[in-house]
Amino acid sequence: MSARSVSVRDAAAGIAVLAAVAIGVLAFTWWRNERQRERPRLVAGLFVTLTPGPAWTPGAERWLVAVNLGCGHCRNALARVANGAAARAARARVAALLVDTSSPPSASAVPSGEVLWDARQVWRRRWGRRAYGEVLCFDAAGRCTRVLPPDDGGDTDTRGPPAGTR
């Protein structure tokens, strides 16, 4: 065996080991970041109320639809959820949660109905959420019971509760 073939084989083995270590470090970093996310919980004062909603009905669910004002799909998703059969069946109080907006929007930019503004980036940074149009469903005690995917109009639940709520 020549010295050149041995050095090529050793270099390839070294590269494979470095790649495995890099993948391990990335996996650990992702795992650690996901574990540090808070379980979504709706508490008083968490979001800024821009437009108040109707009086709360005891025992009713509260659904927050993540809306980015620059996204037309988000506004459509909000309308589908607010007018959907699932929200009516659950007697859910549906509200728009304005996310990824660094300053309060103008009154003309705010959708109709109840509107909350995520001024502290709770939705993305603390809860680790990322999908515009998703619906976070909270029970009367403020616990997140499930998350509806963005495109289902609030009529099906395919993802179940968020991580750590089972």
Foldseek 3Di string as FASTA:
>chain_A
DDPVVVVVVVVVVVVVVVVVVVVVVVVVVVVVQQVQADQFFDDPPQWAWPDDADDDDPFAKEKEAEAELVDPLLVVLQVLQVPDPLCVVRVYQYEYEYAPDQDDDDPVSDDDHTYTYNNPRSCCRRRVDDAHQKMFMATNRRGGFAIAHRPPSNPDGDPTHPPPPD
